[in-house]
Structures are given as structure tokens and as C-alpha cells.
Amino acid sequence: MPASDFILNDFTISDNTPVETHTLAVLVDNDPGVLARVIGLFSGRGYNIESLTVSATEQEKLLSRITIVTCGVPHVINQIRYQLERIVPVHCVVDLHVRARELGQDKPIQRELALVKVLAKGINRVDALRLAEAFNAKMVDATVEHFIFEVTGNSSKLDQFVSLMRPIGIVEICRTGVAAVNRGSKGM
């Protein structure tokens, strides 16, 4: 194998094959153990999950929606989708990025929420408040020593907020993971 190639999940991939990030929406039965089976597929095959959110969506049908952000070369993303579709409690798998392209859109609507606890003494208090205002972050707690900000938006906005707050003194960060839907009047 040439030095420019590497093995990814039993496939030889050349350096010039683009690694893409995709968001998969998976509609499953709302039963114990279903999430473990879905996640087991990823861990068993060495796929990475960048973000994961789960919630009940249709109470009367007892369904939940799992939103998974993962990355890989295009054929690996397709392989993940096909393998997810074969799991028994899975009703539907939609690659939201592919669906967006089919609808003539750039990408799906994606949002994430983060709670960021920041040390806030002296001049840092003013800097933290200014940055929070610039990012439309909501202050949800404050003492003489710290602030806790709630910030929502796409993942890159949250990454930027965190990187700018880091020099001020981040104590703790909690992020929800990505929630995503496609534009338009149709569902999954």
C-alpha cells in the first residue's frame, strides 16, 4: 500500500478522498436498549460520533428520534446509513445533508445549546458580559465570582464563543449536541 493511502474500516482510502461531516436522523422505537444497539453499530465498526441527541418525538406511536453527527468518506457514510436501516427497531434513516441537496439547499438547519460557566472577577466581568452580548448569550446565573451563560446556535458559533471565553477563564462547559431538520413543509 502506498504511503499516501490508509485503511479506514476495512477500506483503502486515498488521501484525496474527501472526509465529509453528515447529520443522520434516525427514527426508532422508544424502547429500552434501542439506543445501545444503534451506538453499538458505531463502536463495533470503529465509526466516530461527533454529536448525539435523542428525544421522544411521537408519543402516540412510541417513537424517538436520534440525531447523529458523524464524519467519513462518502461510501462509509452510505455504509453507516444502510447498516442503521437493517437494525430491527429502526423505522427510518435520513441523511439530512443529502436530503438538503435533493431539496436544492446548502445544508440542514442545525442548532446546539451550551451552558458555559466563566470566572468573572474585575475587568474579566466586563469582558465576559460584552462577549456574551455579542453572541446573544443569555445569563442564567451570576455571582460575584462567576457567570453561567446559555448560548444557542450552530456548532461553529458555540466553538467560537468558547474559544473567546477561554482566556477569561472557563470553569465548565456543557453542550447538548446537535438538533437538526431540513427546510420545507415535509418531515423525515
Foldseek 3Di string as FASTA:
>chain_A
DDPQWDDALNDIDGVPQDKDKWKKKWKFALDPPPVVVLVCVCVVRVWDWPFWAKDQDDVVRRIMIIITIGIGGVVVVVVSQVVSVPPVRTDDMDGQCVVCVVVVHRGWAKKKKKKWKFFAEDPLVVVLVVLCVVQVWDFPDDDNTITITIGMGHPVSVVVSCVSRVVRGIDDMDMRGMDTFHDDDDGD
